[in-house]
């Protein structure tokens, strides 16, 4: 009988790597879609993964819940999770904008420092260097304007969805409150 080469190679791979052979036989506590690496860029998406987990997990319904909770509870929960997700998207776009603007400002300051050095020193090609640096400063100012416009364009839709979602959530909560108050009044 011939030895299983695939098994041997796989075993060798797992022995040499930081992973164990049991890694692929491990059972997930939640669906694989929600398994996020513990470091790197995906860590930033962890709040949305948690919201997705909440949205996909069944709500433990109690048949003794108030009628208002039975009728509007799931709808309120869904709208609330949707609002949180939209808020996360808006927050991430704001952070990205802030990082872009900070990068542009740092480069602008660096070029201004170079320009100052060229102005106070009497280099033979001083006017050419100043012209190049002025052009770079103008490009950075254009990049800043472009980033501001892109930020506005990107967030207009997010802000509209956020306010629409808030209005729907508020309406659902109002209906929930009316039914809940009627239940309390009439036992």
N, C-alpha and C. Protein backbone atom coordinates (compact mmCIF):
# COMPACT_ATOMS: atom_id res chain seq x y z
N UNK A 1 0.85 -1.18 0.00
CA UNK A 1 0.00 0.00 0.00
C UNK A 1 0.89 1.24 0.00
N UNK A 2 0.57 2.19 -0.84
CA UNK A 2 1.36 3.40 -1.00
C UNK A 2 0.92 4.45 0.02
N UNK A 3 1.89 5.12 0.66
CA UNK A 3 1.52 6.14 1.66
C UNK A 3 0.80 7.32 1.00
N UNK A 4 -0.05 7.94 1.77
CA UNK A 4 -0.82 9.08 1.29
C UNK A 4 0.07 10.32 1.31
N UNK A 5 0.53 10.75 0.12
CA UNK A 5 1.46 11.86 0.00
C UNK A 5 0.80 13.19 0.40
N UNK A 6 -0.45 13.34 0.08
CA UNK A 6 -1.14 14.59 0.42
C UNK A 6 -1.19 14.77 1.93
N UNK A 7 -1.48 13.67 2.63
CA UNK A 7 -1.54 13.76 4.08
C UNK A 7 -0.18 14.11 4.66
N UNK A 8 0.87 13.49 4.13
CA UNK A 8 2.21 13.75 4.63
C UNK A 8 2.63 15.19 4.38
N UNK A 9 2.35 15.70 3.19
CA UNK A 9 2.69 17.09 2.88
C UNK A 9 1.92 18.06 3.77
N UNK A 10 0.65 17.75 3.97
CA UNK A 10 -0.19 18.61 4.79
C UNK A 10 0.32 18.62 6.24
N UNK A 11 0.66 17.43 6.74
CA UNK A 11 1.17 17.33 8.09
C UNK A 11 2.48 18.10 8.23
N UNK A 12 3.36 17.99 7.22
CA UNK A 12 4.62 18.72 7.22
C UNK A 12 4.38 20.23 7.21
N UNK A 13 3.41 20.66 6.40
CA UNK A 13 3.08 22.09 6.32
C UNK A 13 2.64 22.62 7.68
N UNK A 14 1.74 21.89 8.33
CA UNK A 14 1.23 22.37 9.60
C UNK A 14 2.29 22.30 10.70
N UNK A 15 3.22 21.38 10.59
CA UNK A 15 4.30 21.32 11.57
C UNK A 15 5.23 22.51 11.42
N UNK A 16 5.43 22.97 10.18
CA UNK A 16 6.34 24.07 9.93
C UNK A 16 5.68 25.43 10.09
N UNK A 17 4.39 25.47 9.99
CA UNK A 17 3.70 26.76 10.09
C UNK A 17 3.29 27.02 11.53
N UNK A 18 2.72 28.14 11.73
CA UNK A 18 2.26 28.51 13.06
C UNK A 18 0.88 27.91 13.35
N UNK A 19 0.28 27.27 12.35
CA UNK A 19 -1.03 26.67 12.53
C UNK A 19 -0.88 25.22 12.96
N UNK A 20 -1.90 24.69 13.56
CA UNK A 20 -1.88 23.30 13.97
C UNK A 20 -2.72 22.49 13.00
N UNK A 21 -2.52 21.19 12.98
CA UNK A 21 -3.26 20.33 12.07
C UNK A 21 -4.74 20.32 12.41
N UNK A 22 -5.08 20.63 13.64
CA UNK A 22 -6.47 20.64 14.04
C UNK A 22 -7.19 21.91 13.59
N UNK A 23 -6.48 22.85 12.98
CA UNK A 23 -7.07 24.15 12.63
C UNK A 23 -8.24 24.01 11.68
N UNK A 24 -8.13 23.10 10.69
CA UNK A 24 -9.23 23.04 9.73
C UNK A 24 -10.36 22.13 10.21
N UNK A 25 -10.17 21.39 11.28
CA UNK A 25 -11.24 20.57 11.82
C UNK A 25 -12.00 21.29 12.93
N UNK A 26 -11.56 22.48 13.29
CA UNK A 26 -12.19 23.26 14.35
C UNK A 26 -13.61 23.67 13.94
N UNK A 27 -14.52 23.54 14.85
CA UNK A 27 -15.90 23.94 14.59
C UNK A 27 -16.04 25.42 14.93
N UNK A 28 -16.76 26.12 14.08
CA UNK A 28 -16.99 27.53 14.31
C UNK A 28 -18.11 27.72 15.31
N UNK A 29 -17.97 28.75 16.14
CA UNK A 29 -19.04 29.10 17.07
C UNK A 29 -20.13 29.88 16.35
N UNK A 30 -19.76 30.54 15.27
CA UNK A 30 -20.71 31.28 14.46
C UNK A 30 -20.41 30.95 13.01
N UNK A 31 -21.28 31.34 12.09
CA UNK A 31 -21.04 31.01 10.68
C UNK A 31 -19.69 31.55 10.21
N UNK A 32 -19.02 30.84 9.26
CA UNK A 32 -17.71 31.27 8.77
C UNK A 32 -17.69 32.70 8.23
N UNK A 33 -18.83 33.17 7.75
CA UNK A 33 -18.91 34.54 7.25
C UNK A 33 -18.51 35.54 8.33
N UNK A 34 -18.78 35.20 9.57
CA UNK A 34 -18.55 36.12 10.67
C UNK A 34 -17.23 35.89 11.39
N UNK A 35 -16.40 35.01 10.87
CA UNK A 35 -15.10 34.75 11.47
C UNK A 35 -14.12 35.79 10.95
N UNK A 36 -13.69 36.70 11.80
CA UNK A 36 -12.82 37.79 11.40
C UNK A 36 -11.42 37.57 11.95
N UNK A 37 -10.40 37.83 11.14
CA UNK A 37 -9.04 37.75 11.68
C UNK A 37 -8.86 38.74 12.83
N UNK A 38 -7.98 38.41 13.76
CA UNK A 38 -7.85 39.23 14.95
C UNK A 38 -6.93 40.43 14.76
N UNK A 39 -6.31 40.56 13.60
CA UNK A 39 -5.47 41.73 13.36
C UNK A 39 -5.64 42.18 11.92
N UNK A 40 -5.14 43.32 11.61
CA UNK A 40 -5.21 43.82 10.24
C UNK A 40 -6.44 44.66 9.97
N UNK A 41 -6.70 44.84 8.70
CA UNK A 41 -7.77 45.73 8.27
C UNK A 41 -9.14 45.22 8.69
N UNK A 42 -9.34 43.90 8.68
CA UNK A 42 -10.65 43.36 9.00
C UNK A 42 -11.07 43.66 10.43
N UNK A 43 -10.11 43.97 11.29
CA UNK A 43 -10.44 44.33 12.66
C UNK A 43 -11.35 45.56 12.69
N UNK A 44 -11.19 46.44 11.69
CA UNK A 44 -12.02 47.64 11.63
C UNK A 44 -13.47 47.30 11.28
N UNK A 45 -13.68 46.14 10.67
CA UNK A 45 -15.02 45.72 10.29
C UNK A 45 -15.71 44.90 11.39
N UNK A 46 -15.04 44.69 12.50
CA UNK A 46 -15.58 43.89 13.59
C UNK A 46 -16.92 44.42 14.11
N UNK A 47 -17.09 45.73 14.29
CA UNK A 47 -18.42 46.20 14.75
C UNK A 47 -19.54 45.82 13.78
N UNK A 48 -19.28 45.88 12.49
CA UNK A 48 -20.31 45.49 11.52
C UNK A 48 -20.55 43.99 11.55
N UNK A 49 -19.49 43.22 11.80
CA UNK A 49 -19.65 41.77 11.92
C UNK A 49 -20.52 41.44 13.13
N UNK A 50 -20.32 42.17 14.21
CA UNK A 50 -21.14 41.96 15.40
C UNK A 50 -22.60 42.31 15.13
N UNK A 51 -22.82 43.40 14.39
CA UNK A 51 -24.19 43.78 14.03
C UNK A 51 -24.83 42.73 13.12
N UNK A 52 -24.04 42.21 12.19
CA UNK A 52 -24.55 41.17 11.30
C UNK A 52 -24.91 39.92 12.10
N UNK A 53 -24.08 39.60 13.06
CA UNK A 53 -24.37 38.45 13.94
C UNK A 53 -25.68 38.68 14.68
N UNK A 54 -25.89 39.89 15.18
CA UNK A 54 -27.15 40.20 15.88
C UNK A 54 -28.34 40.07 14.93
N UNK A 55 -28.16 40.57 13.71
CA UNK A 55 -29.27 40.54 12.75
C UNK A 55 -29.61 39.11 12.33
N UNK A 56 -28.59 38.26 12.23
CA UNK A 56 -28.82 36.88 11.79
C UNK A 56 -29.24 35.95 12.91
N UNK A 57 -28.93 36.31 14.14
CA UNK A 57 -29.29 35.42 15.24
C UNK A 57 -30.78 35.57 15.56
N UNK A 58 -31.41 34.45 15.79
CA UNK A 58 -32.86 34.53 16.09
C UNK A 58 -33.08 35.13 17.47
N UNK A 59 -34.11 35.90 17.56
CA UNK A 59 -34.45 36.52 18.84
C UNK A 59 -35.24 35.51 19.63
N UNK A 60 -34.89 35.36 20.86
CA UNK A 60 -35.62 34.44 21.73
C UNK A 60 -36.98 35.04 22.03
N UNK A 61 -37.99 34.49 21.38
CA UNK A 61 -39.33 35.04 21.56
C UNK A 61 -40.00 34.36 22.75
N UNK A 62 -40.57 35.16 23.53
CA UNK A 62 -41.30 34.67 24.69
C UNK A 62 -42.78 34.87 24.41
N UNK A 63 -43.53 33.79 24.49
CA UNK A 63 -44.95 33.92 24.15
C UNK A 63 -45.71 34.72 25.20
N UNK A 64 -45.03 35.01 26.32
CA UNK A 64 -45.65 35.82 27.36
C UNK A 64 -45.29 37.30 27.23
N UNK A 65 -44.56 37.64 26.17
CA UNK A 65 -44.24 39.04 25.92
C UNK A 65 -45.52 39.83 25.69
N UNK A 66 -45.42 41.11 25.91
CA UNK A 66 -46.55 41.99 25.59
C UNK A 66 -46.86 41.89 24.11
N UNK A 67 -48.10 42.21 23.78
CA UNK A 67 -48.51 42.21 22.39
C UNK A 67 -47.67 43.19 21.58
N UNK A 68 -47.36 44.34 22.17
CA UNK A 68 -46.56 45.34 21.47
C UNK A 68 -45.18 44.81 21.14
N UNK A 69 -44.57 44.06 22.06
CA UNK A 69 -43.25 43.47 21.82
C UNK A 69 -43.33 42.38 20.76
N UNK A 70 -44.42 41.61 20.76
CA UNK A 70 -44.57 40.56 19.76
C UNK A 70 -44.79 41.14 18.37
N UNK A 71 -45.52 42.24 18.29
CA UNK A 71 -45.83 42.83 16.98
C UNK A 71 -44.68 43.70 16.46
N UNK A 72 -44.13 44.53 17.32
CA UNK A 72 -43.14 45.51 16.85
C UNK A 72 -41.71 45.24 17.30
N UNK A 73 -41.49 44.26 18.16
CA UNK A 73 -40.16 44.02 18.73
C UNK A 73 -39.10 43.72 17.68
N UNK A 74 -39.40 42.79 16.78
CA UNK A 74 -38.41 42.42 15.76
C UNK A 74 -38.17 43.58 14.79
N UNK A 75 -39.21 44.28 14.45
CA UNK A 75 -39.06 45.43 13.54
C UNK A 75 -38.19 46.51 14.17
N UNK A 76 -38.43 46.81 15.46
CA UNK A 76 -37.60 47.78 16.17
C UNK A 76 -36.14 47.34 16.20
N UNK A 77 -35.92 46.08 16.50
CA UNK A 77 -34.56 45.53 16.57
C UNK A 77 -33.86 45.65 15.21
N UNK A 78 -34.55 45.30 14.16
CA UNK A 78 -33.98 45.36 12.81
C UNK A 78 -33.63 46.80 12.42
N UNK A 79 -34.53 47.72 12.70
CA UNK A 79 -34.26 49.13 12.38
C UNK A 79 -33.08 49.66 13.20
N UNK A 80 -33.02 49.27 14.45
CA UNK A 80 -31.93 49.73 15.32
C UNK A 80 -30.59 49.22 14.81
N UNK A 81 -30.52 47.96 14.44
CA UNK A 81 -29.28 47.39 13.90
C UNK A 81 -28.90 48.09 12.59
N UNK A 82 -29.90 48.36 11.74
CA UNK A 82 -29.63 49.07 10.49
C UNK A 82 -29.07 50.47 10.73
N UNK A 83 -29.61 51.16 11.72
CA UNK A 83 -29.11 52.49 12.05
C UNK A 83 -27.68 52.43 12.57
N UNK A 84 -27.40 51.45 13.40
CA UNK A 84 -26.03 51.30 13.90
C UNK A 84 -25.06 51.02 12.76
N UNK A 85 -25.46 50.19 11.82
CA UNK A 85 -24.60 49.89 10.67
C UNK A 85 -24.34 51.15 9.85
N UNK A 86 -25.36 51.91 9.57
CA UNK A 86 -25.18 53.15 8.81
C UNK A 86 -24.30 54.13 9.56
N UNK A 87 -24.45 54.19 10.86
CA UNK A 87 -23.59 55.07 11.66
C UNK A 87 -22.13 54.60 11.59
N UNK A 88 -21.89 53.29 11.59
CA UNK A 88 -20.53 52.78 11.45
C UNK A 88 -19.94 53.15 10.09
N UNK A 89 -20.75 53.02 9.04
CA UNK A 89 -20.26 53.41 7.71
C UNK A 89 -19.88 54.88 7.66
N UNK A 90 -20.74 55.71 8.23
CA UNK A 90 -20.48 57.15 8.25
C UNK A 90 -19.21 57.45 9.05
N UNK A 91 -19.05 56.80 10.18
CA UNK A 91 -17.88 56.99 11.02
C UNK A 91 -16.60 56.58 10.29
N UNK A 92 -16.64 55.43 9.61
CA UNK A 92 -15.46 54.97 8.87
C UNK A 92 -15.09 55.94 7.76
N UNK A 93 -16.09 56.48 7.07
CA UNK A 93 -15.79 57.44 6.00
C UNK A 93 -15.22 58.73 6.58
N UNK A 94 -15.71 59.14 7.72
CA UNK A 94 -15.16 60.33 8.38
C UNK A 94 -13.71 60.11 8.80
N UNK A 95 -13.42 58.93 9.33
CA UNK A 95 -12.04 58.63 9.71
C UNK A 95 -11.12 58.61 8.50
N UNK A 96 -11.58 58.04 7.40
CA UNK A 96 -10.79 58.02 6.18
C UNK A 96 -10.53 59.43 5.67
N UNK A 97 -11.55 60.27 5.71
CA UNK A 97 -11.40 61.67 5.31
C UNK A 97 -10.39 62.38 6.20
N UNK A 98 -10.51 62.18 7.48
CA UNK A 98 -9.59 62.82 8.43
C UNK A 98 -8.15 62.39 8.15
N UNK A 99 -7.95 61.10 7.88
CA UNK A 99 -6.61 60.60 7.59
C UNK A 99 -6.06 61.20 6.29
N UNK A 100 -6.90 61.32 5.26
CA UNK A 100 -6.46 61.93 3.99
C UNK A 100 -6.08 63.39 4.18
N UNK A 101 -6.90 64.12 4.90
CA UNK A 101 -6.62 65.54 5.13
C UNK A 101 -5.35 65.71 5.96
N UNK A 102 -5.18 64.87 6.97
CA UNK A 102 -3.97 64.95 7.79
C UNK A 102 -2.72 64.67 6.93
N UNK A 103 -2.80 63.69 6.05
CA UNK A 103 -1.68 63.37 5.16
C UNK A 103 -1.36 64.53 4.23
N UNK A 104 -2.39 65.13 3.68
CA UNK A 104 -2.19 66.29 2.79
C UNK A 104 -1.57 67.44 3.56
N UNK A 105 -2.06 67.70 4.77
CA UNK A 105 -1.51 68.79 5.58
C UNK A 105 -0.05 68.54 5.94
N UNK A 106 0.29 67.30 6.26
CA UNK A 106 1.69 67.00 6.58
C UNK A 106 2.60 67.21 5.38
N UNK A 107 2.16 66.77 4.21
CA UNK A 107 2.97 66.97 3.01
C UNK A 107 3.07 68.46 2.67
N UNK A 108 1.98 69.20 2.89
CA UNK A 108 1.98 70.64 2.62
C UNK A 108 3.00 71.33 3.52
N UNK A 109 3.01 70.97 4.80
CA UNK A 109 3.95 71.56 5.75
C UNK A 109 5.40 71.21 5.38
N UNK A 110 5.62 69.99 4.97
CA UNK A 110 6.96 69.55 4.57
C UNK A 110 7.46 70.34 3.35
N UNK A 111 6.59 70.52 2.38
CA UNK A 111 6.99 71.27 1.17
C UNK A 111 7.22 72.74 1.51
N UNK A 112 6.41 73.30 2.42
CA UNK A 112 6.64 74.68 2.83
C UNK A 112 8.00 74.83 3.51
N UNK A 113 8.39 73.81 4.29
CA UNK A 113 9.72 73.82 4.89
C UNK A 113 10.82 73.81 3.84
N UNK A 114 10.65 72.98 2.82
CA UNK A 114 11.62 72.94 1.73
C UNK A 114 11.66 74.29 1.00
N UNK A 115 10.49 74.86 0.79
CA UNK A 115 10.41 76.16 0.10
C UNK A 115 11.14 77.24 0.90
N UNK A 116 10.95 77.24 2.21
CA UNK A 116 11.63 78.20 3.07
C UNK A 116 13.14 78.03 2.96
N UNK A 117 13.59 76.77 2.96
CA UNK A 117 15.03 76.50 2.81
C UNK A 117 15.56 77.01 1.49
N UNK A 118 14.82 76.87 0.44
CA UNK A 118 15.26 77.36 -0.88
C UNK A 118 15.26 78.88 -0.90
N UNK A 119 14.26 79.50 -0.25
CA UNK A 119 14.18 80.97 -0.25
C UNK A 119 15.35 81.61 0.50
N UNK A 120 15.76 81.01 1.63
CA UNK A 120 16.82 81.66 2.40
C UNK A 120 18.22 81.33 1.88
N UNK A 121 18.35 80.25 1.11
CA UNK A 121 19.65 79.92 0.52
C UNK A 121 19.69 80.44 -0.91
N UNK A 122 20.82 80.83 -1.31
CA UNK A 122 20.96 81.40 -2.64
C UNK A 122 21.51 80.34 -3.60
N UNK A 123 20.64 79.41 -4.00
CA UNK A 123 21.05 78.38 -4.93
C UNK A 123 21.06 78.96 -6.35
N UNK A 124 21.90 78.41 -7.23
CA UNK A 124 21.92 78.90 -8.62
C UNK A 124 20.58 78.67 -9.33
N UNK A 125 19.94 77.57 -9.04
CA UNK A 125 18.66 77.28 -9.69
C UNK A 125 17.47 77.53 -8.75
N UNK A 126 17.60 78.60 -7.97
CA UNK A 126 16.62 78.92 -6.95
C UNK A 126 15.22 79.12 -7.53
N UNK A 127 15.09 79.86 -8.59
CA UNK A 127 13.77 80.15 -9.15
C UNK A 127 13.11 78.87 -9.69
N UNK A 128 13.88 77.98 -10.26
CA UNK A 128 13.34 76.72 -10.76
C UNK A 128 12.83 75.87 -9.60
N UNK A 129 13.62 75.78 -8.53
CA UNK A 129 13.21 75.01 -7.35
C UNK A 129 11.96 75.61 -6.71
N UNK A 130 11.93 76.94 -6.60
CA UNK A 130 10.74 77.60 -6.02
C UNK A 130 9.51 77.32 -6.87
N UNK A 131 9.68 77.37 -8.18
CA UNK A 131 8.55 77.10 -9.08
C UNK A 131 8.03 75.68 -8.92
N UNK A 132 8.95 74.74 -8.78
CA UNK A 132 8.56 73.33 -8.59
C UNK A 132 7.82 73.16 -7.27
N UNK A 133 8.35 73.76 -6.22
CA UNK A 133 7.71 73.65 -4.91
C UNK A 133 6.35 74.33 -4.88
N UNK A 134 6.25 75.49 -5.54
CA UNK A 134 4.94 76.18 -5.62
C UNK A 134 3.93 75.31 -6.36
N UNK A 135 4.38 74.66 -7.42
CA UNK A 135 3.49 73.75 -8.16
C UNK A 135 3.02 72.59 -7.29
N UNK A 136 3.93 72.06 -6.49
CA UNK A 136 3.54 70.97 -5.59
C UNK A 136 2.55 71.45 -4.54
N UNK A 137 2.74 72.66 -4.04
CA UNK A 137 1.79 73.21 -3.07
C UNK A 137 0.40 73.40 -3.70
N UNK A 138 0.38 73.87 -4.93
CA UNK A 138 -0.89 74.03 -5.63
C UNK A 138 -1.57 72.68 -5.85
N UNK A 139 -0.79 71.66 -6.18
CA UNK A 139 -1.36 70.32 -6.36
C UNK A 139 -1.95 69.80 -5.05
N UNK A 140 -1.26 70.04 -3.95
CA UNK A 140 -1.78 69.60 -2.66
C UNK A 140 -3.06 70.33 -2.30
N UNK A 141 -3.13 71.62 -2.60
CA UNK A 141 -4.36 72.36 -2.34
C UNK A 141 -5.51 71.82 -3.19
N UNK A 142 -5.20 71.44 -4.44
CA UNK A 142 -6.22 70.84 -5.31
C UNK A 142 -6.65 69.48 -4.76
N UNK A 143 -5.69 68.69 -4.28
CA UNK A 143 -6.03 67.40 -3.68
C UNK A 143 -6.93 67.58 -2.45
N UNK A 144 -6.64 68.61 -1.68
CA UNK A 144 -7.47 68.88 -0.50
C UNK A 144 -8.89 69.23 -0.91
N UNK A 145 -9.04 70.08 -1.92
CA UNK A 145 -10.38 70.42 -2.41
C UNK A 145 -11.09 69.19 -2.98
N UNK A 146 -10.35 68.36 -3.71
CA UNK A 146 -10.94 67.15 -4.27
C UNK A 146 -11.39 66.19 -3.16
N UNK A 147 -10.59 66.08 -2.11
CA UNK A 147 -10.95 65.21 -0.99
C UNK A 147 -12.18 65.75 -0.27
N UNK A 148 -12.26 67.05 -0.08
CA UNK A 148 -13.44 67.64 0.56
C UNK A 148 -14.69 67.37 -0.27
N UNK A 149 -14.59 67.52 -1.59
CA UNK A 149 -15.73 67.27 -2.47
C UNK A 149 -16.10 65.79 -2.45
N UNK A 150 -15.11 64.91 -2.52
CA UNK A 150 -15.38 63.47 -2.50
C UNK A 150 -16.03 63.07 -1.17
N UNK A 151 -15.56 63.66 -0.08
CA UNK A 151 -16.14 63.38 1.22
C UNK A 151 -17.60 63.80 1.26
N UNK A 152 -17.87 64.98 0.74
CA UNK A 152 -19.25 65.46 0.72
C UNK A 152 -20.12 64.53 -0.12
N UNK A 153 -19.63 64.17 -1.32
CA UNK A 153 -20.41 63.29 -2.20
C UNK A 153 -20.65 61.93 -1.56
N UNK A 154 -19.63 61.38 -0.93
CA UNK A 154 -19.77 60.07 -0.31
C UNK A 154 -20.71 60.08 0.87
N UNK A 155 -20.72 61.15 1.62
CA UNK A 155 -21.52 61.17 2.84
C UNK A 155 -22.94 61.67 2.62
N UNK A 156 -23.23 62.29 1.49
CA UNK A 156 -24.59 62.76 1.24
C UNK A 156 -25.56 61.58 1.30
N UNK A 157 -25.25 60.53 0.57
CA UNK A 157 -26.13 59.37 0.55
C UNK A 157 -26.20 58.69 1.92
N UNK A 158 -25.05 58.60 2.58
CA UNK A 158 -25.03 57.99 3.91
C UNK A 158 -25.88 58.79 4.90
N UNK A 159 -25.73 60.11 4.84
CA UNK A 159 -26.52 60.95 5.76
C UNK A 159 -28.00 60.84 5.47
N UNK A 160 -28.37 60.81 4.17
CA UNK A 160 -29.79 60.68 3.82
C UNK A 160 -30.35 59.36 4.32
N UNK A 161 -29.61 58.27 4.12
CA UNK A 161 -30.06 56.97 4.60
C UNK A 161 -30.15 56.94 6.11
N UNK A 162 -29.22 57.59 6.76
CA UNK A 162 -29.23 57.63 8.22
C UNK A 162 -30.48 58.34 8.74
N UNK A 163 -30.81 59.47 8.14
CA UNK A 163 -31.99 60.20 8.59
C UNK A 163 -33.29 59.49 8.19
N UNK A 164 -33.31 58.85 7.02
CA UNK A 164 -34.49 58.08 6.63
C UNK A 164 -34.69 56.91 7.59
N UNK A 165 -33.59 56.23 7.90
CA UNK A 165 -33.66 55.12 8.85
C UNK A 165 -34.11 55.58 10.22
N UNK A 166 -33.63 56.74 10.64
CA UNK A 166 -34.03 57.28 11.94
C UNK A 166 -35.52 57.60 11.95
N UNK A 167 -36.04 58.11 10.84
CA UNK A 167 -37.47 58.42 10.76
C UNK A 167 -38.31 57.14 10.82
N UNK A 168 -37.89 56.11 10.11
CA UNK A 168 -38.62 54.84 10.13
C UNK A 168 -38.56 54.23 11.54
N UNK A 169 -37.39 54.27 12.14
CA UNK A 169 -37.25 53.74 13.51
C UNK A 169 -38.15 54.52 14.48
N UNK A 170 -38.16 55.83 14.33
CA UNK A 170 -38.99 56.67 15.21
C UNK A 170 -40.47 56.34 15.03
N UNK A 171 -40.92 56.15 13.78
CA UNK A 171 -42.32 55.80 13.53
C UNK A 171 -42.67 54.44 14.15
N UNK A 172 -41.78 53.47 13.98
CA UNK A 172 -42.03 52.15 14.55
C UNK A 172 -42.06 52.21 16.07
N UNK A 173 -41.15 52.97 16.63
CA UNK A 173 -41.12 53.11 18.09
C UNK A 173 -42.40 53.81 18.58
N UNK A 174 -42.89 54.77 17.82
CA UNK A 174 -44.12 55.47 18.19
C UNK A 174 -45.30 54.48 18.18
N UNK A 175 -45.39 53.64 17.14
CA UNK A 175 -46.47 52.65 17.09
C UNK A 175 -46.35 51.66 18.24
N UNK A 176 -45.12 51.26 18.55
CA UNK A 176 -44.87 50.36 19.67
C UNK A 176 -45.36 50.99 20.98
N UNK A 177 -45.04 52.26 21.16
CA UNK A 177 -45.43 52.96 22.39
C UNK A 177 -46.95 53.08 22.49
N UNK A 178 -47.61 53.37 21.38
CA UNK A 178 -49.09 53.49 21.40
C UNK A 178 -49.72 52.16 21.83
N UNK A 179 -49.27 51.06 21.21
CA UNK A 179 -49.84 49.74 21.55
C UNK A 179 -49.48 49.37 22.99
N UNK A 180 -48.26 49.67 23.40
CA UNK A 180 -47.82 49.36 24.76
C UNK A 180 -48.65 50.14 25.79
N UNK A 181 -48.87 51.43 25.51
CA UNK A 181 -49.68 52.25 26.42
C UNK A 181 -51.11 51.76 26.48
N UNK A 182 -51.65 51.33 25.34
CA UNK A 182 -53.02 50.81 25.33
C UNK A 182 -53.11 49.51 26.11
N UNK A 183 -52.08 48.68 26.02
CA UNK A 183 -52.06 47.43 26.81
C UNK A 183 -52.05 47.72 28.31
N UNK A 184 -51.24 48.70 28.69
CA UNK A 184 -51.16 49.03 30.12
C UNK A 184 -52.46 49.62 30.62
N UNK A 185 -53.11 50.43 29.79
CA UNK A 185 -54.38 51.06 30.20
C UNK A 185 -55.51 50.06 30.31
N UNK A 186 -55.51 49.04 29.43
CA UNK A 186 -56.64 48.10 29.40
C UNK A 186 -56.27 46.71 29.92
N UNK A 187 -55.11 46.61 30.54
CA UNK A 187 -54.71 45.37 31.20
C UNK A 187 -54.42 44.31 30.25
